[in-house]
């Protein structure tokens, strides 16, 4: 096993860290590596920018989620309809 510290990360990992960072789940080291990656990767900078826009839009929207009771009722109704279709 190598004890080298990886500073440069591939785009896929950078995008994953970007998503984690958005939800405040990324570690400090991951954020540092992400910011280094964003310095030289235009595609990931665009992904990060779009991700921030989307998060902001969702945050300021007036979208209301269903409560657990409604979700459970919909799930039961869906399962019943699915069962009826498979008969």
PDB file of N, CA and C in Angstrom:
ATOM      1  N   UNK A   1       0.841  -1.183   0.000  1.00  0.00           N
ATOM      2  CA  UNK A   1       0.000   0.000   0.000  1.00  0.00           C
ATOM      3  C   UNK A   1       0.879   1.237   0.000  1.00  0.00           C
ATOM      4  N   UNK A   2       0.587   2.167  -0.826  1.00  0.00           N
ATOM      5  CA  UNK A   2       1.382   3.373  -0.971  1.00  0.00           C
ATOM      6  C   UNK A   2       1.022   4.393   0.101  1.00  0.00           C
ATOM      7  N   UNK A   3       2.052   5.075   0.597  1.00  0.00           N
ATOM      8  CA  UNK A   3       1.797   6.098   1.616  1.00  0.00           C
ATOM      9  C   UNK A   3       1.841   7.495   1.005  1.00  0.00           C
ATOM     10  N   UNK A   4       1.838   7.573  -0.331  1.00  0.00           N
ATOM     11  CA  UNK A   4       1.835   8.863  -1.015  1.00  0.00           C
ATOM     12  C   UNK A   4       0.526   9.595  -0.771  1.00  0.00           C
ATOM     13  N   UNK A   5       0.619  10.890  -0.632  1.00  0.00           N
ATOM     14  CA  UNK A   5      -0.567  11.717  -0.471  1.00  0.00           C
ATOM     15  C   UNK A   5      -1.009  12.165  -1.856  1.00  0.00           C
ATOM     16  N   UNK A   6      -2.266  11.843  -2.201  1.00  0.00           N
ATOM     17  CA  UNK A   6      -2.800  12.233  -3.507  1.00  0.00           C
ATOM     18  C   UNK A   6      -3.415  13.622  -3.404  1.00  0.00           C
ATOM     19  N   UNK A   7      -2.818  14.558  -4.109  1.00  0.00           N
ATOM     20  CA  UNK A   7      -3.342  15.924  -4.110  1.00  0.00           C
ATOM     21  C   UNK A   7      -4.269  16.126  -5.298  1.00  0.00           C
ATOM     22  N   UNK A   8      -3.888  15.589  -6.434  1.00  0.00           N
ATOM     23  CA  UNK A   8      -4.692  15.761  -7.641  1.00  0.00           C
ATOM     24  C   UNK A   8      -5.702  14.624  -7.741  1.00  0.00           C
ATOM     25  N   UNK A   9      -6.935  14.976  -8.008  1.00  0.00           N
ATOM     26  CA  UNK A   9      -8.012  13.996  -8.068  1.00  0.00           C
ATOM     27  C   UNK A   9      -8.652  14.028  -9.449  1.00  0.00           C
ATOM     28  N   UNK A  10      -9.207  12.897  -9.884  1.00  0.00           N
ATOM     29  CA  UNK A  10      -9.910  12.886 -11.173  1.00  0.00           C
ATOM     30  C   UNK A  10     -11.230  13.656 -11.067  1.00  0.00           C
ATOM     31  N   UNK A  11     -11.767  14.011 -12.210  1.00  0.00           N
ATOM     32  CA  UNK A  11     -12.998  14.808 -12.263  1.00  0.00           C
ATOM     33  C   UNK A  11     -14.156  14.125 -11.533  1.00  0.00           C
ATOM     34  N   UNK A  12     -14.281  12.816 -11.681  1.00  0.00           N
ATOM     35  CA  UNK A  12     -15.379  12.093 -11.044  1.00  0.00           C
ATOM     36  C   UNK A  12     -15.333  12.274  -9.522  1.00  0.00           C
ATOM     37  N   UNK A  13     -14.139  12.151  -8.954  1.00  0.00           N
ATOM     38  CA  UNK A  13     -13.986  12.331  -7.508  1.00  0.00           C
ATOM     39  C   UNK A  13     -14.231  13.790  -7.114  1.00  0.00           C
ATOM     40  N   UNK A  14     -13.762  14.713  -7.938  1.00  0.00           N
ATOM     41  CA  UNK A  14     -13.969  16.138  -7.658  1.00  0.00           C
ATOM     42  C   UNK A  14     -15.454  16.470  -7.632  1.00  0.00           C
ATOM     43  N   UNK A  15     -16.209  15.913  -8.560  1.00  0.00           N
ATOM     44  CA  UNK A  15     -17.653  16.158  -8.592  1.00  0.00           C
ATOM     45  C   UNK A  15     -18.344  15.565  -7.366  1.00  0.00           C
ATOM     46  N   UNK A  16     -17.874  14.395  -6.941  1.00  0.00           N
ATOM     47  CA  UNK A  16     -18.432  13.766  -5.746  1.00  0.00           C
ATOM     48  C   UNK A  16     -18.164  14.637  -4.514  1.00  0.00           C
ATOM     49  N   UNK A  17     -16.944  15.151  -4.410  1.00  0.00           N
ATOM     50  CA  UNK A  17     -16.593  16.021  -3.278  1.00  0.00           C
ATOM     51  C   UNK A  17     -17.388  17.321  -3.352  1.00  0.00           C
ATOM     52  N   UNK A  18     -17.607  17.817  -4.545  1.00  0.00           N
ATOM     53  CA  UNK A  18     -18.423  19.025  -4.729  1.00  0.00           C
ATOM     54  C   UNK A  18     -19.822  18.793  -4.164  1.00  0.00           C
ATOM     55  N   UNK A  19     -20.403  17.642  -4.465  1.00  0.00           N
ATOM     56  CA  UNK A  19     -21.726  17.303  -3.946  1.00  0.00           C
ATOM     57  C   UNK A  19     -21.696  17.183  -2.418  1.00  0.00           C
ATOM     58  N   UNK A  20     -20.675  16.517  -1.895  1.00  0.00           N
ATOM     59  CA  UNK A  20     -20.543  16.371  -0.442  1.00  0.00           C
ATOM     60  C   UNK A  20     -20.382  17.730   0.226  1.00  0.00           C
ATOM     61  N   UNK A  21     -19.609  18.584  -0.384  1.00  0.00           N
ATOM     62  CA  UNK A  21     -19.354  19.909   0.163  1.00  0.00           C
ATOM     63  C   UNK A  21     -20.637  20.726   0.225  1.00  0.00           C
ATOM     64  N   UNK A  22     -21.465  20.560  -0.764  1.00  0.00           N
ATOM     65  CA  UNK A  22     -22.743  21.266  -0.835  1.00  0.00           C
ATOM     66  C   UNK A  22     -23.592  20.955   0.392  1.00  0.00           C
ATOM     67  N   UNK A  23     -23.512  19.729   0.894  1.00  0.00           N
ATOM     68  CA  UNK A  23     -24.300  19.319   2.059  1.00  0.00           C
ATOM     69  C   UNK A  23     -23.480  19.308   3.344  1.00  0.00           C
ATOM     70  N   UNK A  24     -22.331  19.974   3.285  1.00  0.00           N
ATOM     71  CA  UNK A  24     -21.438  20.109   4.439  1.00  0.00           C
ATOM     72  C   UNK A  24     -20.999  18.756   4.997  1.00  0.00           C
ATOM     73  N   UNK A  25     -20.699  17.819   4.088  1.00  0.00           N
ATOM     74  CA  UNK A  25     -20.249  16.491   4.476  1.00  0.00           C
ATOM     75  C   UNK A  25     -18.789  16.241   4.093  1.00  0.00           C
ATOM     76  N   UNK A  26     -18.168  17.187   3.399  1.00  0.00           N
ATOM     77  CA  UNK A  26     -16.788  17.014   2.939  1.00  0.00           C
ATOM     78  C   UNK A  26     -15.813  17.437   4.039  1.00  0.00           C
ATOM     79  N   UNK A  27     -14.712  16.706   4.121  1.00  0.00           N
ATOM     80  CA  UNK A  27     -13.675  17.052   5.100  1.00  0.00           C
ATOM     81  C   UNK A  27     -12.860  18.234   4.572  1.00  0.00           C
ATOM     82  N   UNK A  28     -12.068  18.811   5.441  1.00  0.00           N
ATOM     83  CA  UNK A  28     -11.222  19.931   5.046  1.00  0.00           C
ATOM     84  C   UNK A  28     -10.258  19.501   3.941  1.00  0.00           C
ATOM     85  N   UNK A  29      -9.655  18.329   4.079  1.00  0.00           N
ATOM     86  CA  UNK A  29      -8.707  17.836   3.077  1.00  0.00           C
ATOM     87  C   UNK A  29      -9.390  17.647   1.727  1.00  0.00           C
ATOM     88  N   UNK A  30     -10.616  17.135   1.719  1.00  0.00           N
ATOM     89  CA  UNK A  30     -11.357  16.966   0.462  1.00  0.00           C
ATOM     90  C   UNK A  30     -11.639  18.327  -0.182  1.00  0.00           C
ATOM     91  N   UNK A  31     -11.991  19.308   0.634  1.00  0.00           N
ATOM     92  CA  UNK A  31     -12.256  20.645   0.104  1.00  0.00           C
ATOM     93  C   UNK A  31     -10.998  21.265  -0.499  1.00  0.00           C
ATOM     94  N   UNK A  32      -9.858  21.042   0.147  1.00  0.00           N
ATOM     95  CA  UNK A  32      -8.585  21.560  -0.383  1.00  0.00           C
ATOM     96  C   UNK A  32      -8.284  20.932  -1.733  1.00  0.00           C
ATOM     97  N   UNK A  33      -8.421  19.611  -1.819  1.00  0.00           N
ATOM     98  CA  UNK A  33      -8.162  18.915  -3.089  1.00  0.00           C
ATOM     99  C   UNK A  33      -9.142  19.376  -4.167  1.00  0.00           C
ATOM    100  N   UNK A  34     -10.399  19.586  -3.788  1.00  0.00           N
ATOM    101  CA  UNK A  34     -11.394  20.063  -4.748  1.00  0.00           C
ATOM    102  C   UNK A  34     -10.999  21.427  -5.283  1.00  0.00           C
ATOM    103  N   UNK A  35     -10.626  22.337  -4.394  1.00  0.00           N
ATOM    104  CA  UNK A  35     -10.252  23.687  -4.835  1.00  0.00           C
ATOM    105  C   UNK A  35      -9.010  23.669  -5.725  1.00  0.00           C
ATOM    106  N   UNK A  36      -8.052  22.787  -5.442  1.00  0.00           N
ATOM    107  CA  UNK A  36      -6.885  22.652  -6.325  1.00  0.00           C
ATOM    108  C   UNK A  36      -7.326  22.148  -7.697  1.00  0.00           C
ATOM    109  N   UNK A  37      -8.243  21.198  -7.702  1.00  0.00           N
ATOM    110  CA  UNK A  37      -8.741  20.645  -8.956  1.00  0.00           C
ATOM    111  C   UNK A  37      -9.480  21.719  -9.765  1.00  0.00           C
ATOM    112  N   UNK A  38     -10.262  22.534  -9.071  1.00  0.00           N
ATOM    113  CA  UNK A  38     -11.044  23.566  -9.760  1.00  0.00           C
ATOM    114  C   UNK A  38     -10.164  24.636 -10.401  1.00  0.00           C
ATOM    115  N   UNK A  39      -8.940  24.787  -9.905  1.00  0.00           N
ATOM    116  CA  UNK A  39      -8.009  25.761 -10.481  1.00  0.00           C
ATOM    117  C   UNK A  39      -7.703  25.421 -11.936  1.00  0.00           C
ATOM    118  N   UNK A  40      -7.535  24.125 -12.217  1.00  0.00           N
ATOM    119  CA  UNK A  40      -7.110  23.748 -13.573  1.00  0.00           C
ATOM    120  C   UNK A  40      -8.184  23.043 -14.404  1.00  0.00           C
ATOM    121  N   UNK A  41      -9.354  22.788 -13.858  1.00  0.00           N
ATOM    122  CA  UNK A  41     -10.374  22.045 -14.612  1.00  0.00           C
ATOM    123  C   UNK A  41     -11.609  22.907 -14.866  1.00  0.00           C
ATOM    124  N   UNK A  42     -11.742  23.359 -16.081  1.00  0.00           N
ATOM    125  CA  UNK A  42     -12.864  24.233 -16.467  1.00  0.00           C
ATOM    126  C   UNK A  42     -14.210  23.497 -16.367  1.00  0.00           C
ATOM    127  N   UNK A  43     -14.235  22.226 -16.751  1.00  0.00           N
ATOM    128  CA  UNK A  43     -15.483  21.456 -16.725  1.00  0.00           C
ATOM    129  C   UNK A  43     -16.006  21.311 -15.292  1.00  0.00           C
ATOM    130  N   UNK A  44     -15.114  21.062 -14.357  1.00  0.00           N
ATOM    131  CA  UNK A  44     -15.543  20.904 -12.964  1.00  0.00           C
ATOM    132  C   UNK A  44     -15.910  22.245 -12.331  1.00  0.00           C
ATOM    133  N   UNK A  45     -15.279  23.313 -12.779  1.00  0.00           N
ATOM    134  CA  UNK A  45     -15.681  24.640 -12.302  1.00  0.00           C
ATOM    135  C   UNK A  45     -17.119  24.915 -12.728  1.00  0.00           C
ATOM    136  N   UNK A  46     -17.434  24.547 -13.969  1.00  0.00           N
ATOM    137  CA  UNK A  46     -18.797  24.745 -14.479  1.00  0.00           C
ATOM    138  C   UNK A  46     -19.780  23.871 -13.696  1.00  0.00           C
ATOM    139  N   UNK A  47     -19.399  22.609 -13.434  1.00  0.00           N
ATOM    140  CA  UNK A  47     -20.249  21.701 -12.660  1.00  0.00           C
ATOM    141  C   UNK A  47     -20.511  22.292 -11.275  1.00  0.00           C
ATOM    142  N   UNK A  48     -19.464  22.776 -10.643  1.00  0.00           N
ATOM    143  CA  UNK A  48     -19.569  23.354  -9.306  1.00  0.00           C
ATOM    144  C   UNK A  48     -20.478  24.590  -9.300  1.00  0.00           C
ATOM    145  N   UNK A  49     -20.302  25.426 -10.302  1.00  0.00           N
ATOM    146  CA  UNK A  49     -21.113  26.640 -10.416  1.00  0.00           C
ATOM    147  C   UNK A  49     -22.585  26.284 -10.606  1.00  0.00           C
ATOM    148  N   UNK A  50     -22.867  25.331 -11.495  1.00  0.00           N
ATOM    149  CA  UNK A  50     -24.245  24.904 -11.732  1.00  0.00           C
ATOM    150  C   UNK A  50     -24.848  24.249 -10.496  1.00  0.00           C
ATOM    151  N   UNK A  51     -24.029  23.497  -9.776  1.00  0.00           N
ATOM    152  CA  UNK A  51     -24.473  22.843  -8.557  1.00  0.00           C
ATOM    153  C   UNK A  51     -24.892  23.884  -7.510  1.00  0.00           C
ATOM    154  N   UNK A  52     -24.105  24.947  -7.394  1.00  0.00           N
ATOM    155  CA  UNK A  52     -24.432  26.017  -6.447  1.00  0.00           C
ATOM    156  C   UNK A  52     -25.719  26.723  -6.845  1.00  0.00           C
ATOM    157  N   UNK A  53     -25.894  26.965  -8.144  1.00  0.00           N
ATOM    158  CA  UNK A  53     -27.125  27.608  -8.628  1.00  0.00           C
ATOM    159  C   UNK A  53     -28.347  26.751  -8.307  1.00  0.00           C
ATOM    160  N   UNK A  54     -28.231  25.455  -8.563  1.00  0.00           N
ATOM    161  CA  UNK A  54     -29.338  24.543  -8.306  1.00  0.00           C
ATOM    162  C   UNK A  54     -29.674  24.513  -6.819  1.00  0.00           C
ATOM    163  N   UNK A  55     -28.664  24.406  -5.983  1.00  0.00           N
ATOM    164  CA  UNK A  55     -28.882  24.383  -4.533  1.00  0.00           C
ATOM    165  C   UNK A  55     -29.554  25.665  -4.065  1.00  0.00           C
ATOM    166  N   UNK A  56     -29.093  26.784  -4.578  1.00  0.00           N
ATOM    167  CA  UNK A  56     -29.668  28.072  -4.203  1.00  0.00           C
ATOM    168  C   UNK A  56     -31.130  28.158  -4.640  1.00  0.00           C
ATOM    169  N   UNK A  57     -31.416  27.719  -5.859  1.00  0.00           N
ATOM    170  CA  UNK A  57     -32.786  27.758  -6.371  1.00  0.00           C
ATOM    171  C   UNK A  57     -33.722  26.901  -5.522  1.00  0.00           C
ATOM    172  N   UNK A  58     -33.257  25.739  -5.135  1.00  0.00           N
ATOM    173  CA  UNK A  58     -34.077  24.850  -4.308  1.00  0.00           C
ATOM    174  C   UNK A  58     -34.278  25.457  -2.924  1.00  0.00           C
ATOM    175  N   UNK A  59     -33.226  26.055  -2.397  1.00  0.00           N
ATOM    176  CA  UNK A  59     -33.289  26.633  -1.056  1.00  0.00           C
ATOM    177  C   UNK A  59     -34.298  27.785  -0.977  1.00  0.00           C
ATOM    178  N   UNK A  60     -34.334  28.623  -2.002  1.00  0.00           N
ATOM    179  CA  UNK A  60     -35.234  29.785  -1.956  1.00  0.00           C
ATOM    180  C   UNK A  60     -36.637  29.473  -2.478  1.00  0.00           C
ATOM    181  N   UNK A  61     -36.831  28.288  -3.024  1.00  0.00           N
ATOM    182  CA  UNK A  61     -38.153  27.935  -3.552  1.00  0.00           C
ATOM    183  C   UNK A  61     -39.126  27.686  -2.407  1.00  0.00           C
ATOM    184  N   UNK A  62     -40.359  27.711  -2.733  1.00  0.00           N
ATOM    185  CA  UNK A  62     -41.422  27.487  -1.743  1.00  0.00           C
ATOM    186  C   UNK A  62     -41.959  26.058  -1.840  1.00  0.00           C
ATOM    187  N   UNK A  63     -41.117  25.128  -2.275  1.00  0.00           N
ATOM    188  CA  UNK A  63     -41.530  23.739  -2.446  1.00  0.00           C
ATOM    189  C   UNK A  63     -41.784  23.116  -1.074  1.00  0.00           C
ATOM    190  N   UNK A  64     -42.911  22.451  -0.960  1.00  0.00           N
ATOM    191  CA  UNK A  64     -43.248  21.767   0.289  1.00  0.00           C
ATOM    192  C   UNK A  64     -43.251  20.271   0.021  1.00  0.00           C
ATOM    193  N   UNK A  65     -42.635  19.530   0.905  1.00  0.00           N
ATOM    194  CA  UNK A  65     -42.557  18.078   0.763  1.00  0.00           C
ATOM    195  C   UNK A  65     -43.754  17.413   1.438  1.00  0.00           C
ATOM    196  N   UNK A  66     -44.061  16.228   0.958  1.00  0.00           N
ATOM    197  CA  UNK A  66     -45.137  15.460   1.578  1.00  0.00           C
ATOM    198  C   UNK A  66     -44.686  14.944   2.938  1.00  0.00           C
ATOM    199  N   UNK A  67     -45.622  14.852   3.848  1.00  0.00           N
ATOM    200  CA  UNK A  67     -45.284  14.274   5.145  1.00  0.00           C
ATOM    201  C   UNK A  67     -45.264  12.750   5.022  1.00  0.00           C
ATOM    202  N   UNK A  68     -44.766  12.081   6.039  1.00  0.00           N
ATOM    203  CA  UNK A  68     -44.593  10.632   6.005  1.00  0.00           C
ATOM    204  C   UNK A  68     -45.919   9.908   5.794  1.00  0.00           C
ATOM    205  N   UNK A  69     -46.982  10.407   6.405  1.00  0.00           N
ATOM    206  CA  UNK A  69     -48.290   9.769   6.283  1.00  0.00           C
ATOM    207  C   UNK A  69     -48.762   9.758   4.825  1.00  0.00           C
ATOM    208  N   UNK A  70     -48.622  10.883   4.137  1.00  0.00           N
ATOM    209  CA  UNK A  70     -49.024  10.971   2.726  1.00  0.00           C
ATOM    210  C   UNK A  70     -48.151  10.069   1.848  1.00  0.00           C
ATOM    211  N   UNK A  71     -46.841  10.051   2.134  1.00  0.00           N
ATOM    212  CA  UNK A  71     -45.928   9.198   1.353  1.00  0.00           C
ATOM    213  C   UNK A  71     -46.305   7.735   1.510  1.00  0.00           C
ATOM    214  N   UNK A  72     -46.589   7.319   2.749  1.00  0.00           N
ATOM    215  CA  UNK A  72     -46.958   5.925   2.992  1.00  0.00           C
ATOM    216  C   UNK A  72     -48.264   5.572   2.284  1.00  0.00           C
ATOM    217  N   UNK A  73     -49.231   6.484   2.298  1.00  0.00           N
ATOM    218  CA  UNK A  73     -50.508   6.244   1.624  1.00  0.00           C
ATOM    219  C   UNK A  73     -50.293   6.102   0.111  1.00  0.00           C
ATOM    220  N   UNK A  74     -49.451   6.969  -0.463  1.00  0.00           N
ATOM    221  CA  UNK A  74     -49.161   6.884  -1.899  1.00  0.00           C
ATOM    222  C   UNK A  74     -48.454   5.576  -2.234  1.00  0.00           C
ATOM    223  N   UNK A  75     -47.536   5.172  -1.369  1.00  0.00           N
ATOM    224  CA  UNK A  75     -46.787   3.930  -1.602  1.00  0.00           C
ATOM    225  C   UNK A  75     -47.739   2.734  -1.596  1.00  0.00           C
ATOM    226  N   UNK A  76     -48.654   2.687  -0.617  1.00  0.00           N
ATOM    227  CA  UNK A  76     -49.611   1.586  -0.545  1.00  0.00           C
ATOM    228  C   UNK A  76     -50.505   1.563  -1.780  1.00  0.00           C
ATOM    229  N   UNK A  77     -50.956   2.735  -2.194  1.00  0.00           N
ATOM    230  CA  UNK A  77     -51.816   2.839  -3.377  1.00  0.00           C
ATOM    231  C   UNK A  77     -51.066   2.378  -4.632  1.00  0.00           C
ATOM    232  N   UNK A  78     -49.806   2.766  -4.743  1.00  0.00           N
ATOM    233  CA  UNK A  78     -48.993   2.361  -5.889  1.00  0.00           C
ATOM    234  C   UNK A  78     -48.786   0.848  -5.894  1.00  0.00           C
ATOM    235  N   UNK A  79     -48.452   0.286  -4.731  1.00  0.00           N
ATOM    236  CA  UNK A  79     -48.215  -1.156  -4.646  1.00  0.00           C
ATOM    237  C   UNK A  79     -49.477  -1.943  -4.986  1.00  0.00           C
ATOM    238  N   UNK A  80     -50.628  -1.432  -4.550  1.00  0.00           N
ATOM    239  CA  UNK A  80     -51.905  -2.083  -4.879  1.00  0.00           C
ATOM    240  C   UNK A  80     -52.154  -2.039  -6.372  1.00  0.00           C
ATOM    241  N   UNK A  81     -51.942  -0.880  -6.990  1.00  0.00           N
ATOM    242  CA  UNK A  81     -52.145  -0.744  -8.433  1.00  0.00           C
ATOM    243  C   UNK A  81     -51.180  -1.637  -9.201  1.00  0.00           C
ATOM    244  N   UNK A  82     -49.952  -1.730  -8.727  1.00  0.00           N
ATOM    245  CA  UNK A  82     -48.957  -2.584  -9.376  1.00  0.00           C
ATOM    246  C   UNK A  82     -49.368  -4.052  -9.266  1.00  0.00           C
ATOM    247  N   UNK A  83     -49.827  -4.436  -8.105  1.00  0.00           N
ATOM    248  CA  UNK A  83     -50.264  -5.805  -7.888  1.00  0.00           C
ATOM    249  C   UNK A  83     -51.443  -6.149  -8.808  1.00  0.00           C
ATOM    250  N   UNK A  84     -52.393  -5.192  -8.940  1.00  0.00           N
ATOM    251  CA  UNK A  84     -53.551  -5.402  -9.812  1.00  0.00           C
ATOM    252  C   UNK A  84     -53.126  -5.550 -11.269  1.00  0.00           C
ATOM    253  N   UNK A  85     -52.117  -4.814 -11.691  1.00  0.00           N
ATOM    254  CA  UNK A  85     -51.620  -4.866 -13.066  1.00  0.00           C
ATOM    255  C   UNK A  85     -50.947  -6.205 -13.360  1.00  0.00           C
ATOM    256  N   UNK A  86     -50.298  -6.784 -12.353  1.00  0.00           N
ATOM    257  CA  UNK A  86     -49.557  -8.039 -12.562  1.00  0.00           C
ATOM    258  C   UNK A  86     -50.459  -9.262 -12.565  1.00  0.00           C
ATOM    259  N   UNK A  87     -51.724  -9.102 -12.169  1.00  0.00           N
ATOM    260  CA  UNK A  87     -52.674 -10.229 -12.155  1.00  0.00           C
ATOM    261  C   UNK A  87     -53.105 -10.591 -13.528  1.00  0.00           C
TER     262      UNK A  87
END
